[in-house]
Amino acid sequence: MIGLGTGPLHRIVAVGAHCDDIAIGAGGTLLTLCRARSGIRVDALVLTGGGSEREQEEQAALAAFCPGADLRLTVHKLPDGRFPAHWEEAKSAVEELRERTDPDLVLAPRTDDAHQDHRGLAQLMTTAFRDHLVLGYEIVKWDGDLGRMAAYQPLSAGTAEEKVRLLQEHYPSQRHRPWYDREAFLGLARIRGIECHARYAEAFAVTKLTLNLGG
């Protein structure tokens, strides 16, 4: 595998259309980053679930997934599954996020995600954060939209196991879903690990990347 380092990371942006998207797609990466740099600032934005039990779940979950970080979470109240009809509200939320932070790394859904809420948010992120490294995370789902990925964050066995434990612990509202289980999360992490010569990994799509090979 070819490895490219980002240099020191001081600020991260993580966004999700729904509470639990960030943790499912990039929870292991957040655990790895936050443990490597205590006090790192994480600005997290979620578009749906505000004012509900899901917001409470998200607050507790991201605090656990970002140990030692300066976590700043905003959860909006857009209706789940109705993103296209609320484009202006979503765009305003993303633009407000951009105005208050200049991150070294952005974690967001993939632009080709089959879920319209995920896909719409991803499209907003690549324009609002056009001069930033945006990694598009993946979420396993019924639609079967997993594809060939370009970037990988290897995870230790302990981190992969902790990610699964935290997902089960902090999102009880999702346990009834047939795909929301240990086998699905660890299975995907194992496959992505195979693809990058690691035991486990999270994989990301990269829309555009500028290199500085002579720096």
N, C-alpha and C. Protein backbone atom coordinates (compact mmCIF):
# COMPACT_ATOMS: atom_id res chain seq x y z
N MET A 1 0.84 -1.20 0.00
CA MET A 1 0.00 0.00 0.00
C MET A 1 0.87 1.25 0.00
N ILE A 2 0.42 2.29 -0.65
CA ILE A 2 1.10 3.57 -0.67
C ILE A 2 0.51 4.44 0.44
N GLY A 3 1.35 4.94 1.35
CA GLY A 3 0.86 5.74 2.45
C GLY A 3 1.15 7.21 2.25
N LEU A 4 0.18 8.06 2.51
CA LEU A 4 0.35 9.51 2.45
C LEU A 4 -0.09 10.09 3.79
N GLY A 5 0.77 10.86 4.44
CA GLY A 5 0.42 11.47 5.71
C GLY A 5 -0.19 12.84 5.52
N THR A 6 -1.04 13.25 6.44
CA THR A 6 -1.68 14.56 6.35
C THR A 6 -0.90 15.63 7.09
N GLY A 7 0.07 15.23 7.89
CA GLY A 7 0.70 16.18 8.79
C GLY A 7 -0.14 16.34 10.04
N PRO A 8 0.26 17.23 10.95
CA PRO A 8 -0.49 17.40 12.20
C PRO A 8 -1.93 17.83 11.95
N LEU A 9 -2.85 17.22 12.67
CA LEU A 9 -4.27 17.59 12.57
C LEU A 9 -4.68 18.30 13.85
N HIS A 10 -5.20 19.50 13.70
CA HIS A 10 -5.63 20.28 14.86
C HIS A 10 -7.14 20.43 14.92
N ARG A 11 -7.78 20.42 13.75
CA ARG A 11 -9.22 20.61 13.70
C ARG A 11 -9.84 19.61 12.71
N ILE A 12 -10.94 19.00 13.13
CA ILE A 12 -11.67 18.06 12.28
C ILE A 12 -13.12 18.49 12.21
N VAL A 13 -13.72 18.33 11.06
CA VAL A 13 -15.16 18.47 10.90
C VAL A 13 -15.73 17.10 10.59
N ALA A 14 -16.79 16.71 11.27
CA ALA A 14 -17.48 15.45 11.01
C ALA A 14 -18.96 15.73 10.88
N VAL A 15 -19.56 15.30 9.78
CA VAL A 15 -20.97 15.60 9.55
C VAL A 15 -21.74 14.32 9.21
N GLY A 16 -23.02 14.33 9.57
CA GLY A 16 -23.90 13.21 9.25
C GLY A 16 -25.30 13.70 8.98
N ALA A 17 -26.00 12.99 8.12
CA ALA A 17 -27.40 13.33 7.89
C ALA A 17 -28.25 12.90 9.07
N HIS A 18 -27.85 11.80 9.72
CA HIS A 18 -28.61 11.25 10.85
C HIS A 18 -27.70 10.97 12.03
N CYS A 19 -28.27 10.99 13.22
CA CYS A 19 -27.54 10.57 14.40
C CYS A 19 -27.14 9.10 14.20
N ASP A 20 -25.92 8.81 14.38
CA ASP A 20 -25.19 7.53 14.25
C ASP A 20 -24.44 7.39 12.94
N ASP A 21 -24.69 8.25 11.94
CA ASP A 21 -23.96 8.16 10.67
C ASP A 21 -22.47 8.33 10.87
N ILE A 22 -22.08 9.36 11.61
CA ILE A 22 -20.66 9.63 11.83
C ILE A 22 -19.99 8.46 12.53
N ALA A 23 -20.63 7.95 13.56
CA ALA A 23 -20.04 6.86 14.35
C ALA A 23 -19.92 5.58 13.52
N ILE A 24 -20.95 5.29 12.72
CA ILE A 24 -20.89 4.08 11.88
C ILE A 24 -19.82 4.22 10.81
N GLY A 25 -19.78 5.37 10.15
CA GLY A 25 -18.86 5.54 9.03
C GLY A 25 -17.42 5.81 9.42
N ALA A 26 -17.22 6.52 10.53
CA ALA A 26 -15.86 6.94 10.86
C ALA A 26 -15.55 6.87 12.35
N GLY A 27 -16.29 6.07 13.10
CA GLY A 27 -16.08 5.98 14.54
C GLY A 27 -14.69 5.49 14.91
N GLY A 28 -14.18 4.51 14.20
CA GLY A 28 -12.84 4.01 14.48
C GLY A 28 -11.77 5.03 14.16
N THR A 29 -11.97 5.78 13.11
CA THR A 29 -11.03 6.84 12.73
C THR A 29 -11.02 7.94 13.78
N LEU A 30 -12.20 8.32 14.27
CA LEU A 30 -12.27 9.34 15.32
C LEU A 30 -11.56 8.87 16.59
N LEU A 31 -11.79 7.62 16.98
CA LEU A 31 -11.09 7.09 18.15
C LEU A 31 -9.58 7.16 17.97
N THR A 32 -9.12 6.79 16.79
CA THR A 32 -7.68 6.79 16.50
C THR A 32 -7.11 8.20 16.54
N LEU A 33 -7.78 9.14 15.88
CA LEU A 33 -7.29 10.51 15.80
C LEU A 33 -7.30 11.20 17.16
N CYS A 34 -8.39 11.05 17.88
CA CYS A 34 -8.51 11.75 19.16
C CYS A 34 -7.55 11.21 20.21
N ARG A 35 -7.26 9.94 20.16
CA ARG A 35 -6.30 9.38 21.10
C ARG A 35 -4.87 9.79 20.75
N ALA A 36 -4.63 10.03 19.47
CA ALA A 36 -3.28 10.42 19.04
C ALA A 36 -2.99 11.88 19.36
N ARG A 37 -4.05 12.71 19.44
CA ARG A 37 -3.83 14.14 19.69
C ARG A 37 -4.88 14.65 20.68
N SER A 38 -4.51 14.69 21.94
CA SER A 38 -5.42 15.17 22.97
C SER A 38 -5.75 16.64 22.74
N GLY A 39 -7.02 16.99 22.92
CA GLY A 39 -7.45 18.37 22.76
C GLY A 39 -7.79 18.77 21.35
N ILE A 40 -7.70 17.85 20.39
CA ILE A 40 -8.05 18.16 19.01
C ILE A 40 -9.50 18.66 18.95
N ARG A 41 -9.75 19.66 18.14
CA ARG A 41 -11.10 20.21 18.04
C ARG A 41 -11.89 19.42 17.00
N VAL A 42 -13.08 19.00 17.40
CA VAL A 42 -13.97 18.27 16.50
C VAL A 42 -15.29 19.02 16.43
N ASP A 43 -15.58 19.61 15.28
CA ASP A 43 -16.87 20.26 15.05
C ASP A 43 -17.77 19.25 14.34
N ALA A 44 -18.82 18.82 15.00
CA ALA A 44 -19.72 17.80 14.44
C ALA A 44 -21.09 18.41 14.15
N LEU A 45 -21.63 18.07 13.00
CA LEU A 45 -22.94 18.57 12.58
C LEU A 45 -23.80 17.39 12.14
N VAL A 46 -25.02 17.31 12.67
CA VAL A 46 -26.00 16.30 12.26
C VAL A 46 -27.27 17.03 11.87
N LEU A 47 -27.86 16.67 10.75
CA LEU A 47 -28.99 17.43 10.22
C LEU A 47 -30.34 17.02 10.78
N THR A 48 -30.48 15.82 11.29
CA THR A 48 -31.78 15.34 11.77
C THR A 48 -31.67 14.85 13.21
N GLY A 49 -32.82 14.76 13.88
CA GLY A 49 -32.86 14.19 15.22
C GLY A 49 -32.83 15.18 16.34
N GLY A 50 -32.73 16.47 16.05
CA GLY A 50 -32.66 17.48 17.09
C GLY A 50 -33.89 17.48 17.98
N GLY A 51 -33.67 17.59 19.29
CA GLY A 51 -34.77 17.63 20.24
C GLY A 51 -35.39 16.29 20.58
N SER A 52 -34.81 15.20 20.09
CA SER A 52 -35.37 13.87 20.32
C SER A 52 -34.38 13.01 21.11
N GLU A 53 -34.78 11.77 21.38
CA GLU A 53 -33.88 10.84 22.06
C GLU A 53 -32.64 10.56 21.22
N ARG A 54 -32.77 10.72 19.95
CA ARG A 54 -31.63 10.47 19.07
C ARG A 54 -30.53 11.51 19.28
N GLU A 55 -30.92 12.75 19.55
CA GLU A 55 -29.91 13.76 19.85
C GLU A 55 -29.17 13.41 21.14
N GLN A 56 -29.90 12.94 22.13
CA GLN A 56 -29.27 12.55 23.39
C GLN A 56 -28.30 11.38 23.16
N GLU A 57 -28.71 10.43 22.34
CA GLU A 57 -27.82 9.32 21.99
C GLU A 57 -26.55 9.84 21.32
N GLU A 58 -26.72 10.77 20.40
CA GLU A 58 -25.58 11.28 19.64
C GLU A 58 -24.60 12.04 20.53
N GLN A 59 -25.12 12.81 21.44
CA GLN A 59 -24.24 13.55 22.35
C GLN A 59 -23.37 12.61 23.17
N ALA A 60 -23.97 11.58 23.72
CA ALA A 60 -23.21 10.62 24.52
C ALA A 60 -22.25 9.81 23.66
N ALA A 61 -22.71 9.42 22.47
CA ALA A 61 -21.89 8.58 21.60
C ALA A 61 -20.65 9.33 21.12
N LEU A 62 -20.83 10.53 20.60
CA LEU A 62 -19.68 11.24 20.06
C LEU A 62 -18.70 11.65 21.16
N ALA A 63 -19.20 11.89 22.36
CA ALA A 63 -18.29 12.14 23.48
C ALA A 63 -17.40 10.92 23.72
N ALA A 64 -17.97 9.73 23.56
CA ALA A 64 -17.20 8.50 23.74
C ALA A 64 -16.27 8.24 22.56
N PHE A 65 -16.71 8.58 21.35
CA PHE A 65 -15.89 8.34 20.16
C PHE A 65 -14.79 9.39 19.99
N CYS A 66 -14.87 10.49 20.73
CA CYS A 66 -13.87 11.56 20.63
C CYS A 66 -13.24 11.83 21.99
N PRO A 67 -12.58 10.83 22.59
CA PRO A 67 -12.03 11.00 23.94
C PRO A 67 -10.96 12.09 23.98
N GLY A 68 -11.10 12.99 24.95
CA GLY A 68 -10.11 14.04 25.13
C GLY A 68 -10.19 15.17 24.13
N ALA A 69 -11.18 15.15 23.26
CA ALA A 69 -11.28 16.18 22.22
C ALA A 69 -12.10 17.37 22.68
N ASP A 70 -11.92 18.48 22.00
CA ASP A 70 -12.77 19.66 22.18
C ASP A 70 -13.93 19.49 21.21
N LEU A 71 -14.95 18.78 21.66
CA LEU A 71 -16.08 18.40 20.81
C LEU A 71 -17.17 19.48 20.85
N ARG A 72 -17.61 19.89 19.66
CA ARG A 72 -18.68 20.88 19.54
C ARG A 72 -19.72 20.31 18.57
N LEU A 73 -20.81 19.86 19.13
CA LEU A 73 -21.84 19.15 18.36
C LEU A 73 -23.08 20.01 18.18
N THR A 74 -23.58 20.04 16.94
CA THR A 74 -24.85 20.71 16.63
C THR A 74 -25.75 19.70 15.94
N VAL A 75 -26.98 19.54 16.45
CA VAL A 75 -27.95 18.62 15.86
C VAL A 75 -29.19 19.42 15.45
N HIS A 76 -29.50 19.39 14.16
CA HIS A 76 -30.66 20.12 13.64
C HIS A 76 -31.90 19.22 13.61
N LYS A 77 -33.01 19.80 13.22
CA LYS A 77 -34.30 19.11 13.28
C LYS A 77 -34.91 18.85 11.90
N LEU A 78 -34.11 18.74 10.86
CA LEU A 78 -34.67 18.43 9.55
C LEU A 78 -35.34 17.05 9.59
N PRO A 79 -36.41 16.85 8.84
CA PRO A 79 -37.09 15.55 8.85
C PRO A 79 -36.28 14.47 8.16
N ASP A 80 -36.20 13.33 8.78
CA ASP A 80 -35.47 12.18 8.25
C ASP A 80 -36.09 11.74 6.92
N GLY A 81 -35.24 11.54 5.92
CA GLY A 81 -35.69 11.05 4.62
C GLY A 81 -36.28 12.10 3.72
N ARG A 82 -36.22 13.38 4.12
CA ARG A 82 -36.84 14.44 3.31
C ARG A 82 -35.83 15.52 2.96
N PHE A 83 -34.57 15.14 2.85
CA PHE A 83 -33.52 16.12 2.61
C PHE A 83 -33.75 16.98 1.36
N PRO A 84 -34.10 16.40 0.20
CA PRO A 84 -34.26 17.24 -1.00
C PRO A 84 -35.26 18.37 -0.83
N ALA A 85 -36.30 18.16 -0.02
CA ALA A 85 -37.31 19.19 0.18
C ALA A 85 -36.86 20.27 1.16
N HIS A 86 -35.73 20.06 1.82
CA HIS A 86 -35.23 21.01 2.81
C HIS A 86 -33.80 21.43 2.48
N TRP A 87 -33.54 21.58 1.21
CA TRP A 87 -32.19 21.87 0.73
C TRP A 87 -31.65 23.18 1.31
N GLU A 88 -32.47 24.22 1.32
CA GLU A 88 -32.01 25.53 1.79
C GLU A 88 -31.61 25.48 3.27
N GLU A 89 -32.39 24.79 4.08
CA GLU A 89 -32.07 24.67 5.50
C GLU A 89 -30.76 23.91 5.70
N ALA A 90 -30.60 22.84 4.95
CA ALA A 90 -29.37 22.05 5.05
C ALA A 90 -28.16 22.86 4.58
N LYS A 91 -28.32 23.57 3.50
CA LYS A 91 -27.23 24.39 2.97
C LYS A 91 -26.82 25.47 3.97
N SER A 92 -27.80 26.08 4.61
CA SER A 92 -27.51 27.11 5.62
C SER A 92 -26.74 26.51 6.80
N ALA A 93 -27.14 25.31 7.22
CA ALA A 93 -26.45 24.65 8.34
C ALA A 93 -24.99 24.37 7.99
N VAL A 94 -24.74 23.91 6.77
CA VAL A 94 -23.37 23.62 6.34
C VAL A 94 -22.56 24.90 6.21
N GLU A 95 -23.17 25.94 5.68
CA GLU A 95 -22.46 27.21 5.53
C GLU A 95 -22.13 27.83 6.88
N GLU A 96 -23.02 27.70 7.85
CA GLU A 96 -22.74 28.19 9.20
C GLU A 96 -21.56 27.43 9.80
N LEU A 97 -21.53 26.13 9.57
CA LEU A 97 -20.41 25.32 10.05
C LEU A 97 -19.10 25.79 9.43
N ARG A 98 -19.13 26.03 8.14
CA ARG A 98 -17.91 26.47 7.43
C ARG A 98 -17.41 27.82 7.95
N GLU A 99 -18.32 28.70 8.31
CA GLU A 99 -17.94 30.03 8.79
C GLU A 99 -17.22 29.99 10.13
N ARG A 100 -17.49 28.98 10.93
CA ARG A 100 -16.91 28.96 12.28
C ARG A 100 -15.70 28.04 12.42
N THR A 101 -15.31 27.37 11.36
CA THR A 101 -14.15 26.50 11.48
C THR A 101 -13.43 26.35 10.14
N ASP A 102 -12.13 26.14 10.23
CA ASP A 102 -11.28 25.90 9.06
C ASP A 102 -10.50 24.62 9.32
N PRO A 103 -11.12 23.47 9.05
CA PRO A 103 -10.54 22.19 9.49
C PRO A 103 -9.39 21.70 8.63
N ASP A 104 -8.60 20.82 9.23
CA ASP A 104 -7.55 20.12 8.50
C ASP A 104 -8.09 18.89 7.78
N LEU A 105 -9.23 18.40 8.24
CA LEU A 105 -9.83 17.18 7.69
C LEU A 105 -11.34 17.24 7.86
N VAL A 106 -12.05 16.78 6.84
CA VAL A 106 -13.51 16.72 6.88
C VAL A 106 -13.94 15.26 6.67
N LEU A 107 -14.78 14.76 7.56
CA LEU A 107 -15.37 13.43 7.44
C LEU A 107 -16.84 13.61 7.11
N ALA A 108 -17.27 13.06 5.98
CA ALA A 108 -18.64 13.28 5.49
C ALA A 108 -19.11 12.04 4.75
N PRO A 109 -20.41 11.96 4.43
CA PRO A 109 -20.88 10.84 3.61
C PRO A 109 -20.26 10.88 2.21
N ARG A 110 -20.35 9.77 1.50
CA ARG A 110 -19.88 9.69 0.12
C ARG A 110 -20.86 10.39 -0.82
N THR A 111 -20.35 10.99 -1.87
CA THR A 111 -21.23 11.67 -2.83
C THR A 111 -22.07 10.69 -3.66
N ASP A 112 -21.69 9.41 -3.67
CA ASP A 112 -22.47 8.41 -4.42
C ASP A 112 -23.22 7.46 -3.49
N ASP A 113 -23.44 7.88 -2.26
CA ASP A 113 -24.24 7.08 -1.32
C ASP A 113 -25.66 6.96 -1.85
N ALA A 114 -26.25 5.78 -1.72
CA ALA A 114 -27.58 5.53 -2.27
C ALA A 114 -28.69 6.23 -1.50
N HIS A 115 -28.46 6.59 -0.24
CA HIS A 115 -29.48 7.27 0.56
C HIS A 115 -29.50 8.75 0.19
N GLN A 116 -30.67 9.28 -0.14
CA GLN A 116 -30.75 10.65 -0.63
C GLN A 116 -30.28 11.66 0.39
N ASP A 117 -30.51 11.42 1.68
CA ASP A 117 -30.06 12.35 2.72
C ASP A 117 -28.53 12.38 2.80
N HIS A 118 -27.92 11.20 2.77
CA HIS A 118 -26.46 11.11 2.81
C HIS A 118 -25.85 11.79 1.58
N ARG A 119 -26.39 11.45 0.42
CA ARG A 119 -25.85 11.96 -0.84
C ARG A 119 -25.98 13.48 -0.94
N GLY A 120 -27.11 14.00 -0.52
CA GLY A 120 -27.32 15.44 -0.58
C GLY A 120 -26.35 16.20 0.32
N LEU A 121 -26.15 15.70 1.54
CA LEU A 121 -25.21 16.34 2.44
C LEU A 121 -23.80 16.27 1.88
N ALA A 122 -23.43 15.15 1.31
CA ALA A 122 -22.09 14.99 0.73
C ALA A 122 -21.85 16.01 -0.37
N GLN A 123 -22.84 16.24 -1.19
CA GLN A 123 -22.70 17.22 -2.27
C GLN A 123 -22.52 18.63 -1.75
N LEU A 124 -23.18 18.95 -0.66
CA LEU A 124 -23.00 20.27 -0.05
C LEU A 124 -21.60 20.43 0.53
N MET A 125 -21.07 19.36 1.11
CA MET A 125 -19.78 19.44 1.78
C MET A 125 -18.64 19.70 0.79
N THR A 126 -18.70 19.09 -0.38
CA THR A 126 -17.60 19.24 -1.33
C THR A 126 -17.57 20.63 -1.97
N THR A 127 -18.65 21.39 -1.84
CA THR A 127 -18.64 22.76 -2.34
C THR A 127 -18.32 23.75 -1.22
N ALA A 128 -18.90 23.55 -0.04
CA ALA A 128 -18.64 24.45 1.08
C ALA A 128 -17.20 24.31 1.57
N PHE A 129 -16.66 23.09 1.52
CA PHE A 129 -15.29 22.84 1.96
C PHE A 129 -14.44 22.45 0.75
N ARG A 130 -14.44 23.29 -0.26
CA ARG A 130 -13.79 22.94 -1.52
C ARG A 130 -12.26 22.94 -1.45
N ASP A 131 -11.68 23.61 -0.44
CA ASP A 131 -10.22 23.67 -0.31
C ASP A 131 -9.71 22.79 0.83
N HIS A 132 -10.49 21.79 1.20
CA HIS A 132 -10.15 20.93 2.33
C HIS A 132 -10.12 19.47 1.89
N LEU A 133 -9.40 18.67 2.67
CA LEU A 133 -9.40 17.22 2.44
C LEU A 133 -10.71 16.65 2.98
N VAL A 134 -11.56 16.18 2.08
CA VAL A 134 -12.85 15.61 2.46
C VAL A 134 -12.81 14.10 2.21
N LEU A 135 -12.97 13.33 3.25
CA LEU A 135 -13.02 11.87 3.13
C LEU A 135 -14.47 11.42 3.27
N GLY A 136 -14.96 10.71 2.29
CA GLY A 136 -16.34 10.24 2.29
C GLY A 136 -16.46 8.86 2.89
N TYR A 137 -17.10 8.77 4.05
CA TYR A 137 -17.24 7.47 4.72
C TYR A 137 -18.40 6.66 4.13
N GLU A 138 -18.42 5.38 4.45
CA GLU A 138 -19.45 4.49 3.93
C GLU A 138 -20.30 3.95 5.07
N ILE A 139 -21.57 3.67 4.75
CA ILE A 139 -22.51 3.10 5.71
C ILE A 139 -23.17 1.88 5.07
N VAL A 140 -22.99 0.73 5.69
CA VAL A 140 -23.60 -0.48 5.16
C VAL A 140 -25.12 -0.36 5.26
N LYS A 141 -25.83 -0.80 4.23
CA LYS A 141 -27.29 -0.66 4.22
C LYS A 141 -27.93 -1.62 3.24
N TRP A 142 -29.26 -1.67 3.26
CA TRP A 142 -30.02 -2.56 2.40
C TRP A 142 -29.76 -2.28 0.92
N ASP A 143 -29.49 -1.03 0.57
CA ASP A 143 -29.35 -0.64 -0.84
C ASP A 143 -28.18 -1.32 -1.54
N GLY A 144 -27.19 -1.80 -0.78
CA GLY A 144 -26.06 -2.48 -1.40
C GLY A 144 -25.21 -1.56 -2.24
N ASP A 145 -24.82 -0.41 -1.67
CA ASP A 145 -24.08 0.58 -2.46
C ASP A 145 -22.59 0.61 -2.14
N LEU A 146 -22.07 -0.39 -1.43
CA LEU A 146 -20.65 -0.42 -1.13
C LEU A 146 -19.85 -0.60 -2.41
N GLY A 147 -18.76 0.14 -2.52
CA GLY A 147 -17.99 0.07 -3.75
C GLY A 147 -16.50 -0.03 -3.52
N ARG A 148 -15.75 0.30 -4.53
CA ARG A 148 -14.29 0.27 -4.46
C ARG A 148 -13.80 1.60 -3.89
N MET A 149 -13.07 1.54 -2.81
CA MET A 149 -12.67 2.74 -2.09
C MET A 149 -11.20 3.09 -2.38
N ALA A 150 -10.87 4.36 -2.11
CA ALA A 150 -9.54 4.85 -2.47
C ALA A 150 -8.62 5.08 -1.27
N ALA A 151 -9.20 5.29 -0.09
CA ALA A 151 -8.39 5.62 1.09
C ALA A 151 -8.81 4.75 2.27
N TYR A 152 -7.85 4.42 3.10
CA TYR A 152 -8.11 3.52 4.24
C TYR A 152 -7.45 4.04 5.50
N GLN A 153 -8.14 3.89 6.62
CA GLN A 153 -7.55 4.12 7.93
C GLN A 153 -7.51 2.78 8.66
N PRO A 154 -6.33 2.17 8.77
CA PRO A 154 -6.26 0.90 9.50
C PRO A 154 -6.68 1.08 10.96
N LEU A 155 -7.32 0.06 11.49
CA LEU A 155 -7.76 0.06 12.88
C LEU A 155 -7.15 -1.13 13.60
N SER A 156 -6.68 -0.90 14.82
CA SER A 156 -6.23 -2.03 15.62
C SER A 156 -7.44 -2.89 15.98
N ALA A 157 -7.19 -4.13 16.36
CA ALA A 157 -8.28 -5.01 16.74
C ALA A 157 -9.05 -4.41 17.92
N GLY A 158 -8.32 -3.80 18.86
CA GLY A 158 -8.96 -3.20 20.02
C GLY A 158 -9.86 -2.04 19.65
N THR A 159 -9.41 -1.21 18.69
CA THR A 159 -10.22 -0.07 18.25
C THR A 159 -11.46 -0.53 17.51
N ALA A 160 -11.31 -1.53 16.65
CA ALA A 160 -12.46 -2.06 15.91
C ALA A 160 -13.50 -2.63 16.88
N GLU A 161 -13.04 -3.37 17.87
CA GLU A 161 -13.95 -3.94 18.86
C GLU A 161 -14.62 -2.84 19.69
N GLU A 162 -13.85 -1.81 20.04
CA GLU A 162 -14.43 -0.73 20.83
C GLU A 162 -15.48 0.03 20.02
N LYS A 163 -15.22 0.24 18.75
CA LYS A 163 -16.20 0.91 17.90
C LYS A 163 -17.53 0.17 17.93
N VAL A 164 -17.49 -1.14 17.76
CA VAL A 164 -18.72 -1.94 17.76
C VAL A 164 -19.41 -1.86 19.12
N ARG A 165 -18.62 -1.93 20.18
CA ARG A 165 -19.19 -1.86 21.53
C ARG A 165 -19.89 -0.52 21.76
N LEU A 166 -19.26 0.56 21.35
CA LEU A 166 -19.84 1.89 21.54
C LEU A 166 -21.10 2.08 20.70
N LEU A 167 -21.11 1.52 19.49
CA LEU A 167 -22.31 1.60 18.65
C LEU A 167 -23.49 0.90 19.32
N GLN A 168 -23.23 -0.25 19.89
CA GLN A 168 -24.30 -1.00 20.54
C GLN A 168 -24.73 -0.32 21.84
N GLU A 169 -23.79 0.26 22.53
CA GLU A 169 -24.08 0.86 23.83
C GLU A 169 -24.84 2.17 23.73
N HIS A 170 -24.49 3.00 22.75
CA HIS A 170 -24.99 4.37 22.73
C HIS A 170 -26.17 4.61 21.79
N TYR A 171 -26.51 3.64 20.96
CA TYR A 171 -27.64 3.84 20.05
C TYR A 171 -28.69 2.74 20.22
N PRO A 172 -29.30 2.65 21.40
CA PRO A 172 -30.30 1.60 21.62
C PRO A 172 -31.51 1.72 20.70
N SER A 173 -31.79 2.92 20.21
CA SER A 173 -32.94 3.10 19.31
C SER A 173 -32.75 2.40 17.97
N GLN A 174 -31.53 1.98 17.66
CA GLN A 174 -31.25 1.37 16.36
C GLN A 174 -31.06 -0.14 16.42
N ARG A 175 -31.10 -0.72 17.62
CA ARG A 175 -30.77 -2.14 17.76
C ARG A 175 -31.77 -3.06 17.06
N HIS A 176 -32.98 -2.57 16.79
CA HIS A 176 -33.99 -3.41 16.15
C HIS A 176 -33.74 -3.59 14.66
N ARG A 177 -32.88 -2.79 14.09
CA ARG A 177 -32.64 -2.86 12.65
C ARG A 177 -31.87 -4.13 12.30
N PRO A 178 -32.26 -4.84 11.25
CA PRO A 178 -31.64 -6.13 10.94
C PRO A 178 -30.17 -6.04 10.56
N TRP A 179 -29.73 -4.89 10.09
CA TRP A 179 -28.32 -4.74 9.69
C TRP A 179 -27.45 -4.17 10.80
N TYR A 180 -28.05 -3.75 11.90
CA TYR A 180 -27.31 -3.06 12.95
C TYR A 180 -26.80 -4.08 13.97
N ASP A 181 -25.70 -4.75 13.63
CA ASP A 181 -25.17 -5.74 14.55
C ASP A 181 -23.66 -5.87 14.42
N ARG A 182 -23.10 -6.58 15.35
CA ARG A 182 -21.65 -6.75 15.44
C ARG A 182 -21.07 -7.37 14.17
N GLU A 183 -21.74 -8.38 13.64
CA GLU A 183 -21.23 -9.07 12.46
C GLU A 183 -21.11 -8.13 11.26
N ALA A 184 -22.11 -7.28 11.07
CA ALA A 184 -22.09 -6.36 9.93
C ALA A 184 -20.93 -5.36 10.06
N PHE A 185 -20.79 -4.75 11.24
CA PHE A 185 -19.77 -3.73 11.41
C PHE A 185 -18.36 -4.31 11.38
N LEU A 186 -18.14 -5.40 12.09
CA LEU A 186 -16.81 -6.00 12.09
C LEU A 186 -16.49 -6.66 10.75
N GLY A 187 -17.52 -7.22 10.10
CA GLY A 187 -17.31 -7.86 8.81
C GLY A 187 -16.82 -6.88 7.77
N LEU A 188 -17.47 -5.72 7.70
CA LEU A 188 -17.03 -4.71 6.74
C LEU A 188 -15.63 -4.21 7.07
N ALA A 189 -15.37 -3.99 8.37
CA ALA A 189 -14.04 -3.54 8.78
C ALA A 189 -12.97 -4.56 8.44
N ARG A 190 -13.32 -5.85 8.53
CA ARG A 190 -12.35 -6.90 8.19
C ARG A 190 -12.07 -6.91 6.70
N ILE A 191 -13.11 -6.76 5.88
CA ILE A 191 -12.91 -6.72 4.42
C ILE A 191 -12.05 -5.53 4.04
N ARG A 192 -12.35 -4.36 4.59
CA ARG A 192 -11.55 -3.18 4.27
C ARG A 192 -10.12 -3.34 4.78
N GLY A 193 -9.96 -4.05 5.89
CA GLY A 193 -8.61 -4.33 6.38
C GLY A 193 -7.83 -5.19 5.41
N ILE A 194 -8.47 -6.21 4.87
CA ILE A 194 -7.82 -7.06 3.87
C ILE A 194 -7.33 -6.23 2.70
N GLU A 195 -8.15 -5.26 2.29
CA GLU A 195 -7.82 -4.44 1.11
C GLU A 195 -6.61 -3.53 1.34
N CYS A 196 -6.26 -3.26 2.61
CA CYS A 196 -5.12 -2.37 2.87
C CYS A 196 -4.05 -3.05 3.72
N HIS A 197 -4.05 -4.38 3.73
CA HIS A 197 -3.04 -5.16 4.45
C HIS A 197 -3.06 -4.86 5.95
N ALA A 198 -4.24 -4.77 6.51
CA ALA A 198 -4.41 -4.58 7.95
C ALA A 198 -5.45 -5.58 8.45
N ARG A 199 -5.56 -5.71 9.77
CA ARG A 199 -6.59 -6.61 10.31
C ARG A 199 -7.97 -6.00 10.08
N TYR A 200 -8.12 -4.74 10.46
CA TYR A 200 -9.38 -4.02 10.28
C TYR A 200 -9.08 -2.63 9.72
N ALA A 201 -10.08 -2.01 9.12
CA ALA A 201 -9.91 -0.66 8.60
C ALA A 201 -11.27 -0.03 8.33
N GLU A 202 -11.28 1.28 8.26
CA GLU A 202 -12.41 2.03 7.70
C GLU A 202 -11.95 2.58 6.36
N ALA A 203 -12.85 2.59 5.39
CA ALA A 203 -12.50 3.01 4.04
C ALA A 203 -13.25 4.28 3.67
N PHE A 204 -12.63 5.09 2.80
CA PHE A 204 -13.19 6.38 2.45
C PHE A 204 -13.04 6.64 0.95
N ALA A 205 -14.00 7.38 0.42
CA ALA A 205 -13.91 7.86 -0.95
C ALA A 205 -13.28 9.25 -0.93
N VAL A 206 -12.49 9.54 -1.94
CA VAL A 206 -11.86 10.85 -2.07
C VAL A 206 -12.25 11.44 -3.42
N THR A 207 -12.97 12.55 -3.40
CA THR A 207 -13.40 13.17 -4.64
C THR A 207 -12.26 13.89 -5.33
N LYS A 208 -11.46 14.63 -4.55
CA LYS A 208 -10.35 15.39 -5.12
C LYS A 208 -9.27 15.54 -4.08
N LEU A 209 -8.01 15.42 -4.51
CA LEU A 209 -6.89 15.47 -3.59
C LEU A 209 -5.72 16.18 -4.25
N THR A 210 -5.18 17.22 -3.61
CA THR A 210 -4.02 17.93 -4.12
C THR A 210 -2.78 17.42 -3.38
N LEU A 211 -1.77 17.03 -4.12
CA LEU A 211 -0.54 16.50 -3.54
C LEU A 211 0.52 17.58 -3.39
N ASN A 212 1.40 17.39 -2.44
CA ASN A 212 2.55 18.27 -2.25
C ASN A 212 3.79 17.39 -2.11
N LEU A 213 4.14 16.73 -3.20
CA LEU A 213 5.20 15.74 -3.13
C LEU A 213 6.59 16.35 -3.04
N GLY A 214 6.72 17.59 -3.40
CA GLY A 214 8.03 18.22 -3.35
C GLY A 214 8.23 19.11 -2.15
N GLY A 215 7.22 19.14 -1.22
CA GLY A 215 7.31 20.03 -0.07
C GLY A 215 8.24 19.51 1.00
